[in-house]
Amino acid sequence: MVFDVETEQERGWVINGGYDQHDVQVVAIADTLEQLDVLLPTGPGAAGNGGPIRAALEAMDSYQFEDSCGDADYEPDPRKYARHLTVRLRTPRF
């Protein structure tokens, strides 16, 4: 699994701001499509069983919503299967 987090201040979300917005992109990598479907399923069944990666992110108090999910390329090894998930988190600035 590979991930990237982009953070920016949210000045206009509430009066006086005080929050940060985090766009988190996770890329799950597997040897087979079956393994990938266990880690990060897509399609109609994903709503009922989103897999462990999606469940972990949704369980966070700061979770806002899922922005996108789909196939990804893993350029270092084209024999691998990959899928991306992008979610938005919002946290108070401390």
PDB file of N, CA and C in Angstrom:
ATOM      1  N   MET A   1       0.841  -1.160   0.000  1.00  0.00           N
ATOM      2  CA  MET A   1       0.000   0.000   0.000  1.00  0.00           C
ATOM      3  C   MET A   1       0.900   1.242   0.000  1.00  0.00           C
ATOM      4  N   VAL A   2       0.470   2.220  -0.776  1.00  0.00           N
ATOM      5  CA  VAL A   2       1.170   3.498  -0.878  1.00  0.00           C
ATOM      6  C   VAL A   2       0.136   4.584  -0.616  1.00  0.00           C
ATOM      7  N   PHE A   3       0.525   5.663   0.071  1.00  0.00           N
ATOM      8  CA  PHE A   3      -0.438   6.731   0.290  1.00  0.00           C
ATOM      9  C   PHE A   3       0.216   8.090   0.173  1.00  0.00           C
ATOM     10  N   ASP A   4      -0.627   9.096  -0.066  1.00  0.00           N
ATOM     11  CA  ASP A   4      -0.196  10.485  -0.180  1.00  0.00           C
ATOM     12  C   ASP A   4      -1.255  11.348   0.487  1.00  0.00           C
ATOM     13  N   VAL A   5      -0.826  12.372   1.225  1.00  0.00           N
ATOM     14  CA  VAL A   5      -1.751  13.273   1.901  1.00  0.00           C
ATOM     15  C   VAL A   5      -1.430  14.705   1.496  1.00  0.00           C
ATOM     16  N   GLU A   6      -2.444  15.416   1.007  1.00  0.00           N
ATOM     17  CA  GLU A   6      -2.309  16.835   0.698  1.00  0.00           C
ATOM     18  C   GLU A   6      -3.175  17.602   1.687  1.00  0.00           C
ATOM     19  N   THR A   7      -2.574  18.551   2.394  1.00  0.00           N
ATOM     20  CA  THR A   7      -3.276  19.291   3.443  1.00  0.00           C
ATOM     21  C   THR A   7      -3.285  20.772   3.119  1.00  0.00           C
ATOM     22  N   GLU A   8      -4.445  21.395   3.364  1.00  0.00           N
ATOM     23  CA  GLU A   8      -4.536  22.848   3.225  1.00  0.00           C
ATOM     24  C   GLU A   8      -5.486  23.383   4.296  1.00  0.00           C
ATOM     25  N   GLN A   9      -5.262  24.623   4.699  1.00  0.00           N
ATOM     26  CA  GLN A   9      -6.129  25.261   5.681  1.00  0.00           C
ATOM     27  C   GLN A   9      -7.480  25.552   5.062  1.00  0.00           C
ATOM     28  N   GLU A  10      -8.514  25.386   5.860  1.00  0.00           N
ATOM     29  CA  GLU A  10      -9.865  25.721   5.400  1.00  0.00           C
ATOM     30  C   GLU A  10     -10.308  26.980   6.140  1.00  0.00           C
ATOM     31  N   ARG A  11     -10.116  28.098   5.510  1.00  0.00           N
ATOM     32  CA  ARG A  11     -10.458  29.371   6.148  1.00  0.00           C
ATOM     33  C   ARG A  11     -11.953  29.661   6.065  1.00  0.00           C
ATOM     34  N   GLY A  12     -12.629  29.190   5.024  1.00  0.00           N
ATOM     35  CA  GLY A  12     -14.023  29.542   4.836  1.00  0.00           C
ATOM     36  C   GLY A  12     -15.023  28.490   5.268  1.00  0.00           C
ATOM     37  N   TRP A  13     -14.564  27.389   5.861  1.00  0.00           N
ATOM     38  CA  TRP A  13     -15.487  26.321   6.205  1.00  0.00           C
ATOM     39  C   TRP A  13     -16.361  26.709   7.389  1.00  0.00           C
ATOM     40  N   VAL A  14     -15.774  27.322   8.409  1.00  0.00           N
ATOM     41  CA  VAL A  14     -16.517  27.849   9.552  1.00  0.00           C
ATOM     42  C   VAL A  14     -15.973  29.232   9.874  1.00  0.00           C
ATOM     43  N   ILE A  15     -16.757  30.018  10.572  1.00  0.00           N
ATOM     44  CA  ILE A  15     -16.291  31.354  10.961  1.00  0.00           C
ATOM     45  C   ILE A  15     -15.018  31.207  11.789  1.00  0.00           C
ATOM     46  N   ASN A  16     -14.045  32.010  11.481  1.00  0.00           N
ATOM     47  CA  ASN A  16     -12.723  32.002  12.137  1.00  0.00           C
ATOM     48  C   ASN A  16     -11.876  30.789  11.776  1.00  0.00           C
ATOM     49  N   GLY A  17     -12.312  29.977  10.851  1.00  0.00           N
ATOM     50  CA  GLY A  17     -11.489  28.852  10.378  1.00  0.00           C
ATOM     51  C   GLY A  17     -11.137  27.888  11.483  1.00  0.00           C
ATOM     52  N   GLY A  18      -9.873  27.511  11.518  1.00  0.00           N
ATOM     53  CA  GLY A  18      -9.425  26.594  12.551  1.00  0.00           C
ATOM     54  C   GLY A  18      -9.456  25.129  12.140  1.00  0.00           C
ATOM     55  N   TYR A  19      -9.692  24.864  10.851  1.00  0.00           N
ATOM     56  CA  TYR A  19      -9.739  23.485  10.382  1.00  0.00           C
ATOM     57  C   TYR A  19      -8.777  23.284   9.219  1.00  0.00           C
ATOM     58  N   ASP A  20      -8.290  22.048   9.097  1.00  0.00           N
ATOM     59  CA  ASP A  20      -7.467  21.655   7.962  1.00  0.00           C
ATOM     60  C   ASP A  20      -8.209  20.588   7.171  1.00  0.00           C
ATOM     61  N   GLN A  21      -8.091  20.669   5.865  1.00  0.00           N
ATOM     62  CA  GLN A  21      -8.669  19.681   4.957  1.00  0.00           C
ATOM     63  C   GLN A  21      -7.537  18.803   4.440  1.00  0.00           C
ATOM     64  N   HIS A  22      -7.735  17.496   4.512  1.00  0.00           N
ATOM     65  CA  HIS A  22      -6.721  16.541   4.074  1.00  0.00           C
ATOM     66  C   HIS A  22      -7.314  15.665   2.977  1.00  0.00           C
ATOM     67  N   ASP A  23      -6.761  15.727   1.789  1.00  0.00           N
ATOM     68  CA  ASP A  23      -7.131  14.800   0.720  1.00  0.00           C
ATOM     69  C   ASP A  23      -6.131  13.655   0.757  1.00  0.00           C
ATOM     70  N   VAL A  24      -6.626  12.473   1.058  1.00  0.00           N
ATOM     71  CA  VAL A  24      -5.786  11.289   1.243  1.00  0.00           C
ATOM     72  C   VAL A  24      -6.014  10.343   0.075  1.00  0.00           C
ATOM     73  N   GLN A  25      -4.938  10.020  -0.630  1.00  0.00           N
ATOM     74  CA  GLN A  25      -5.024   9.036  -1.702  1.00  0.00           C
ATOM     75  C   GLN A  25      -4.245   7.803  -1.287  1.00  0.00           C
ATOM     76  N   VAL A  26      -4.934   6.672  -1.301  1.00  0.00           N
ATOM     77  CA  VAL A  26      -4.332   5.389  -0.961  1.00  0.00           C
ATOM     78  C   VAL A  26      -4.317   4.545  -2.234  1.00  0.00           C
ATOM     79  N   VAL A  27      -3.199   3.884  -2.499  1.00  0.00           N
ATOM     80  CA  VAL A  27      -3.107   2.954  -3.621  1.00  0.00           C
ATOM     81  C   VAL A  27      -2.808   1.573  -3.050  1.00  0.00           C
ATOM     82  N   ALA A  28      -3.749   0.659  -3.263  1.00  0.00           N
ATOM     83  CA  ALA A  28      -3.560  -0.731  -2.841  1.00  0.00           C
ATOM     84  C   ALA A  28      -2.936  -1.496  -4.007  1.00  0.00           C
ATOM     85  N   ILE A  29      -1.961  -2.337  -3.702  1.00  0.00           N
ATOM     86  CA  ILE A  29      -1.223  -3.088  -4.720  1.00  0.00           C
ATOM     87  C   ILE A  29      -1.315  -4.573  -4.375  1.00  0.00           C
ATOM     88  N   ALA A  30      -1.584  -5.403  -5.386  1.00  0.00           N
ATOM     89  CA  ALA A  30      -1.720  -6.836  -5.141  1.00  0.00           C
ATOM     90  C   ALA A  30      -1.196  -7.632  -6.337  1.00  0.00           C
ATOM     91  N   ASP A  31      -0.941  -8.920  -6.082  1.00  0.00           N
ATOM     92  CA  ASP A  31      -0.464  -9.818  -7.139  1.00  0.00           C
ATOM     93  C   ASP A  31      -1.594 -10.290  -8.049  1.00  0.00           C
ATOM     94  N   THR A  32      -2.830 -10.358  -7.509  1.00  0.00           N
ATOM     95  CA  THR A  32      -3.965 -10.844  -8.296  1.00  0.00           C
ATOM     96  C   THR A  32      -5.156  -9.905  -8.114  1.00  0.00           C
ATOM     97  N   LEU A  33      -6.090  -9.984  -9.055  1.00  0.00           N
ATOM     98  CA  LEU A  33      -7.314  -9.192  -8.934  1.00  0.00           C
ATOM     99  C   LEU A  33      -8.142  -9.635  -7.731  1.00  0.00           C
ATOM    100  N   GLU A  34      -8.104 -10.916  -7.414  1.00  0.00           N
ATOM    101  CA  GLU A  34      -8.849 -11.429  -6.268  1.00  0.00           C
ATOM    102  C   GLU A  34      -8.334 -10.807  -4.972  1.00  0.00           C
ATOM    103  N   GLN A  35      -7.008 -10.717  -4.823  1.00  0.00           N
ATOM    104  CA  GLN A  35      -6.427 -10.075  -3.639  1.00  0.00           C
ATOM    105  C   GLN A  35      -6.823  -8.602  -3.579  1.00  0.00           C
ATOM    106  N   LEU A  36      -6.797  -7.947  -4.717  1.00  0.00           N
ATOM    107  CA  LEU A  36      -7.145  -6.532  -4.774  1.00  0.00           C
ATOM    108  C   LEU A  36      -8.612  -6.310  -4.396  1.00  0.00           C
ATOM    109  N   ASP A  37      -9.490  -7.210  -4.843  1.00  0.00           N
ATOM    110  CA  ASP A  37     -10.909  -7.097  -4.508  1.00  0.00           C
ATOM    111  C   ASP A  37     -11.175  -7.286  -3.015  1.00  0.00           C
ATOM    112  N   VAL A  38     -10.314  -8.031  -2.338  1.00  0.00           N
ATOM    113  CA  VAL A  38     -10.447  -8.170  -0.885  1.00  0.00           C
ATOM    114  C   VAL A  38     -10.005  -6.879  -0.203  1.00  0.00           C
ATOM    115  N   LEU A  39      -8.903  -6.307  -0.642  1.00  0.00           N
ATOM    116  CA  LEU A  39      -8.372  -5.089  -0.015  1.00  0.00           C
ATOM    117  C   LEU A  39      -9.240  -3.858  -0.277  1.00  0.00           C
ATOM    118  N   LEU A  40      -9.674  -3.703  -1.530  1.00  0.00           N
ATOM    119  CA  LEU A  40     -10.386  -2.481  -1.914  1.00  0.00           C
ATOM    120  C   LEU A  40     -11.376  -2.795  -3.034  1.00  0.00           C
ATOM    121  N   PRO A  41     -12.530  -3.364  -2.686  1.00  0.00           N
ATOM    122  CA  PRO A  41     -13.506  -3.718  -3.709  1.00  0.00           C
ATOM    123  C   PRO A  41     -14.121  -2.483  -4.370  1.00  0.00           C
ATOM    124  N   THR A  42     -14.560  -2.656  -5.607  1.00  0.00           N
ATOM    125  CA  THR A  42     -15.294  -1.617  -6.324  1.00  0.00           C
ATOM    126  C   THR A  42     -16.569  -2.232  -6.873  1.00  0.00           C
ATOM    127  N   GLY A  43     -17.405  -1.427  -7.446  1.00  0.00           N
ATOM    128  CA  GLY A  43     -18.633  -1.920  -8.042  1.00  0.00           C
ATOM    129  C   GLY A  43     -19.789  -1.919  -7.062  1.00  0.00           C
ATOM    130  N   PRO A  44     -20.900  -2.531  -7.474  1.00  0.00           N
ATOM    131  CA  PRO A  44     -22.122  -2.477  -6.673  1.00  0.00           C
ATOM    132  C   PRO A  44     -21.986  -3.070  -5.272  1.00  0.00           C
ATOM    133  N   GLY A  45     -21.170  -4.097  -5.109  1.00  0.00           N
ATOM    134  CA  GLY A  45     -21.011  -4.722  -3.801  1.00  0.00           C
ATOM    135  C   GLY A  45     -20.155  -3.943  -2.820  1.00  0.00           C
ATOM    136  N   ALA A  46     -19.444  -2.934  -3.290  1.00  0.00           N
ATOM    137  CA  ALA A  46     -18.531  -2.183  -2.430  1.00  0.00           C
ATOM    138  C   ALA A  46     -19.261  -1.407  -1.348  1.00  0.00           C
ATOM    139  N   ALA A  47     -20.515  -1.023  -1.597  1.00  0.00           N
ATOM    140  CA  ALA A  47     -21.265  -0.271  -0.594  1.00  0.00           C
ATOM    141  C   ALA A  47     -21.518  -1.108   0.659  1.00  0.00           C
ATOM    142  N   GLY A  48     -21.743  -2.392   0.490  1.00  0.00           N
ATOM    143  CA  GLY A  48     -22.006  -3.256   1.638  1.00  0.00           C
ATOM    144  C   GLY A  48     -20.754  -3.837   2.269  1.00  0.00           C
ATOM    145  N   ASN A  49     -19.705  -4.009   1.470  1.00  0.00           N
ATOM    146  CA  ASN A  49     -18.444  -4.555   1.967  1.00  0.00           C
ATOM    147  C   ASN A  49     -17.313  -3.810   1.265  1.00  0.00           C
ATOM    148  N   GLY A  50     -16.844  -2.744   1.884  1.00  0.00           N
ATOM    149  CA  GLY A  50     -15.851  -1.888   1.260  1.00  0.00           C
ATOM    150  C   GLY A  50     -14.418  -2.327   1.442  1.00  0.00           C
ATOM    151  N   GLY A  51     -14.199  -3.414   2.185  1.00  0.00           N
ATOM    152  CA  GLY A  51     -12.848  -3.890   2.417  1.00  0.00           C
ATOM    153  C   GLY A  51     -12.192  -3.191   3.590  1.00  0.00           C
ATOM    154  N   PRO A  52     -11.057  -3.696   4.048  1.00  0.00           N
ATOM    155  CA  PRO A  52     -10.426  -3.183   5.262  1.00  0.00           C
ATOM    156  C   PRO A  52      -9.847  -1.770   5.133  1.00  0.00           C
ATOM    157  N   ILE A  53      -9.373  -1.396   3.964  1.00  0.00           N
ATOM    158  CA  ILE A  53      -8.788  -0.059   3.806  1.00  0.00           C
ATOM    159  C   ILE A  53      -9.878   1.002   3.914  1.00  0.00           C
ATOM    160  N   ARG A  54     -10.959   0.805   3.176  1.00  0.00           N
ATOM    161  CA  ARG A  54     -12.075   1.752   3.212  1.00  0.00           C
ATOM    162  C   ARG A  54     -12.677   1.805   4.622  1.00  0.00           C
ATOM    163  N   ALA A  55     -12.851   0.656   5.246  1.00  0.00           N
ATOM    164  CA  ALA A  55     -13.430   0.605   6.595  1.00  0.00           C
ATOM    165  C   ALA A  55     -12.574   1.364   7.607  1.00  0.00           C
ATOM    166  N   ALA A  56     -11.262   1.234   7.502  1.00  0.00           N
ATOM    167  CA  ALA A  56     -10.369   1.933   8.433  1.00  0.00           C
ATOM    168  C   ALA A  56     -10.477   3.450   8.278  1.00  0.00           C
ATOM    169  N   LEU A  57     -10.547   3.928   7.047  1.00  0.00           N
ATOM    170  CA  LEU A  57     -10.667   5.372   6.822  1.00  0.00           C
ATOM    171  C   LEU A  57     -12.031   5.887   7.261  1.00  0.00           C
ATOM    172  N   GLU A  58     -13.093   5.158   6.957  1.00  0.00           N
ATOM    173  CA  GLU A  58     -14.440   5.581   7.341  1.00  0.00           C
ATOM    174  C   GLU A  58     -14.627   5.587   8.850  1.00  0.00           C
ATOM    175  N   ALA A  59     -13.860   4.798   9.584  1.00  0.00           N
ATOM    176  CA  ALA A  59     -13.979   4.732  11.038  1.00  0.00           C
ATOM    177  C   ALA A  59     -13.347   5.940  11.736  1.00  0.00           C
ATOM    178  N   MET A  60     -12.569   6.716  11.017  1.00  0.00           N
ATOM    179  CA  MET A  60     -11.912   7.884  11.616  1.00  0.00           C
ATOM    180  C   MET A  60     -12.939   8.988  11.864  1.00  0.00           C
ATOM    181  N   ASP A  61     -12.849   9.644  13.017  1.00  0.00           N
ATOM    182  CA  ASP A  61     -13.757  10.749  13.345  1.00  0.00           C
ATOM    183  C   ASP A  61     -13.655  11.888  12.339  1.00  0.00           C
ATOM    184  N   SER A  62     -12.517  12.048  11.720  1.00  0.00           N
ATOM    185  CA  SER A  62     -12.289  13.147  10.785  1.00  0.00           C
ATOM    186  C   SER A  62     -12.746  12.845   9.361  1.00  0.00           C
ATOM    187  N   TYR A  63     -13.248  11.629   9.119  1.00  0.00           N
ATOM    188  CA  TYR A  63     -13.679  11.224   7.769  1.00  0.00           C
ATOM    189  C   TYR A  63     -14.851  12.085   7.312  1.00  0.00           C
ATOM    190  N   GLN A  64     -14.783  12.592   6.074  1.00  0.00           N
ATOM    191  CA  GLN A  64     -15.863  13.383   5.495  1.00  0.00           C
ATOM    192  C   GLN A  64     -16.584  12.616   4.384  1.00  0.00           C
ATOM    193  N   PHE A  65     -15.840  12.217   3.343  1.00  0.00           N
ATOM    194  CA  PHE A  65     -16.470  11.501   2.234  1.00  0.00           C
ATOM    195  C   PHE A  65     -15.414  10.865   1.340  1.00  0.00           C
ATOM    196  N   GLU A  66     -15.877   9.916   0.518  1.00  0.00           N
ATOM    197  CA  GLU A  66     -15.031   9.294  -0.496  1.00  0.00           C
ATOM    198  C   GLU A  66     -15.162  10.112  -1.768  1.00  0.00           C
ATOM    199  N   ASP A  67     -14.025  10.557  -2.302  1.00  0.00           N
ATOM    200  CA  ASP A  67     -14.028  11.384  -3.500  1.00  0.00           C
ATOM    201  C   ASP A  67     -13.975  10.542  -4.771  1.00  0.00           C
ATOM    202  N   SER A  68     -13.124   9.504  -4.774  1.00  0.00           N
ATOM    203  CA  SER A  68     -13.016   8.664  -5.967  1.00  0.00           C
ATOM    204  C   SER A  68     -12.374   7.329  -5.614  1.00  0.00           C
ATOM    205  N   CYS A  69     -12.625   6.358  -6.488  1.00  0.00           N
ATOM    206  CA  CYS A  69     -12.023   5.036  -6.338  1.00  0.00           C
ATOM    207  C   CYS A  69     -12.003   4.388  -7.722  1.00  0.00           C
ATOM    208  N   GLY A  70     -10.895   3.744  -8.067  1.00  0.00           N
ATOM    209  CA  GLY A  70     -10.819   3.094  -9.365  1.00  0.00           C
ATOM    210  C   GLY A  70      -9.470   2.445  -9.592  1.00  0.00           C
ATOM    211  N   ASP A  71      -9.295   1.943 -10.791  1.00  0.00           N
ATOM    212  CA  ASP A  71      -8.041   1.276 -11.150  1.00  0.00           C
ATOM    213  C   ASP A  71      -6.891   2.270 -11.171  1.00  0.00           C
ATOM    214  N   ALA A  72      -5.706   1.779 -10.857  1.00  0.00           N
ATOM    215  CA  ALA A  72      -4.498   2.605 -10.862  1.00  0.00           C
ATOM    216  C   ALA A  72      -3.370   1.823 -11.521  1.00  0.00           C
ATOM    217  N   ASP A  73      -2.345   2.536 -11.948  1.00  0.00           N
ATOM    218  CA  ASP A  73      -1.147   1.906 -12.506  1.00  0.00           C
ATOM    219  C   ASP A  73      -0.059   1.896 -11.448  1.00  0.00           C
ATOM    220  N   TYR A  74       0.639   0.780 -11.363  1.00  0.00           N
ATOM    221  CA  TYR A  74       1.810   0.697 -10.494  1.00  0.00           C
ATOM    222  C   TYR A  74       3.006   0.552 -11.416  1.00  0.00           C
ATOM    223  N   GLU A  75       3.596   1.664 -11.801  1.00  0.00           N
ATOM    224  CA  GLU A  75       4.633   1.684 -12.830  1.00  0.00           C
ATOM    225  C   GLU A  75       5.894   0.895 -12.497  1.00  0.00           C
ATOM    226  N   PRO A  76       6.333   0.820 -11.219  1.00  0.00           N
ATOM    227  CA  PRO A  76       7.548   0.047 -10.960  1.00  0.00           C
ATOM    228  C   PRO A  76       7.430  -1.433 -11.322  1.00  0.00           C
ATOM    229  N   ASP A  77       6.199  -1.976 -11.342  1.00  0.00           N
ATOM    230  CA  ASP A  77       6.025  -3.384 -11.682  1.00  0.00           C
ATOM    231  C   ASP A  77       4.677  -3.560 -12.379  1.00  0.00           C
ATOM    232  N   PRO A  78       4.652  -3.550 -13.710  1.00  0.00           N
ATOM    233  CA  PRO A  78       3.389  -3.637 -14.446  1.00  0.00           C
ATOM    234  C   PRO A  78       2.657  -4.973 -14.273  1.00  0.00           C
ATOM    235  N   ARG A  79       3.300  -5.960 -13.650  1.00  0.00           N
ATOM    236  CA  ARG A  79       2.624  -7.240 -13.401  1.00  0.00           C
ATOM    237  C   ARG A  79       1.678  -7.153 -12.198  1.00  0.00           C
ATOM    238  N   LYS A  80       1.805  -6.102 -11.416  1.00  0.00           N
ATOM    239  CA  LYS A  80       0.959  -5.919 -10.230  1.00  0.00           C
ATOM    240  C   LYS A  80      -0.354  -5.257 -10.615  1.00  0.00           C
ATOM    241  N   TYR A  81      -1.372  -5.519  -9.809  1.00  0.00           N
ATOM    242  CA  TYR A  81      -2.666  -4.861  -9.950  1.00  0.00           C
ATOM    243  C   TYR A  81      -2.754  -3.778  -8.882  1.00  0.00           C
ATOM    244  N   ALA A  82      -3.373  -2.659  -9.232  1.00  0.00           N
ATOM    245  CA  ALA A  82      -3.467  -1.553  -8.274  1.00  0.00           C
ATOM    246  C   ALA A  82      -4.816  -0.859  -8.400  1.00  0.00           C
ATOM    247  N   ARG A  83      -5.245  -0.291  -7.280  1.00  0.00           N
ATOM    248  CA  ARG A  83      -6.504   0.456  -7.235  1.00  0.00           C
ATOM    249  C   ARG A  83      -6.308   1.625  -6.290  1.00  0.00           C
ATOM    250  N   HIS A  84      -6.865   2.780  -6.643  1.00  0.00           N
ATOM    251  CA  HIS A  84      -6.724   3.967  -5.801  1.00  0.00           C
ATOM    252  C   HIS A  84      -8.031   4.285  -5.094  1.00  0.00           C
ATOM    253  N   LEU A  85      -7.915   4.923  -3.943  1.00  0.00           N
ATOM    254  CA  LEU A  85      -9.050   5.432  -3.176  1.00  0.00           C
ATOM    255  C   LEU A  85      -8.657   6.811  -2.670  1.00  0.00           C
ATOM    256  N   THR A  86      -9.494   7.809  -2.938  1.00  0.00           N
ATOM    257  CA  THR A  86      -9.241   9.161  -2.446  1.00  0.00           C
ATOM    258  C   THR A  86     -10.383   9.560  -1.528  1.00  0.00           C
ATOM    259  N   VAL A  87     -10.046   9.975  -0.314  1.00  0.00           N
ATOM    260  CA  VAL A  87     -11.041  10.422   0.660  1.00  0.00           C
ATOM    261  C   VAL A  87     -10.644  11.789   1.198  1.00  0.00           C
ATOM    262  N   ARG A  88     -11.627  12.476   1.768  1.00  0.00           N
ATOM    263  CA  ARG A  88     -11.357  13.770   2.406  1.00  0.00           C
ATOM    264  C   ARG A  88     -11.552  13.626   3.906  1.00  0.00           C
ATOM    265  N   LEU A  89     -10.567  14.126   4.642  1.00  0.00           N
ATOM    266  CA  LEU A  89     -10.624  14.195   6.093  1.00  0.00           C
ATOM    267  C   LEU A  89     -10.598  15.663   6.493  1.00  0.00           C
ATOM    268  N   ARG A  90     -11.228  15.987   7.606  1.00  0.00           N
ATOM    269  CA  ARG A  90     -11.215  17.373   8.107  1.00  0.00           C
ATOM    270  C   ARG A  90     -10.909  17.325   9.595  1.00  0.00           C
ATOM    271  N   THR A  91      -9.862  18.052  10.000  1.00  0.00           N
ATOM    272  CA  THR A  91      -9.450  18.039  11.389  1.00  0.00           C
ATOM    273  C   THR A  91      -9.336  19.454  11.935  1.00  0.00           C
ATOM    274  N   PRO A  92      -9.599  19.629  13.230  1.00  0.00           N
ATOM    275  CA  PRO A  92      -9.348  20.938  13.831  1.00  0.00           C
ATOM    276  C   PRO A  92      -7.840  21.204  13.868  1.00  0.00           C
ATOM    277  N   ARG A  93      -7.469  22.443  13.649  1.00  0.00           N
ATOM    278  CA  ARG A  93      -6.061  22.827  13.729  1.00  0.00           C
ATOM    279  C   ARG A  93      -5.721  23.030  15.197  1.00  0.00           C
ATOM    280  N   PHE A  94      -4.641  22.460  15.633  1.00  0.00           N
ATOM    281  CA  PHE A  94      -4.244  22.583  17.038  1.00  0.00           C
ATOM    282  C   PHE A  94      -3.156  23.602  17.204  1.00  0.00           C
TER     283      PHE A  94
END
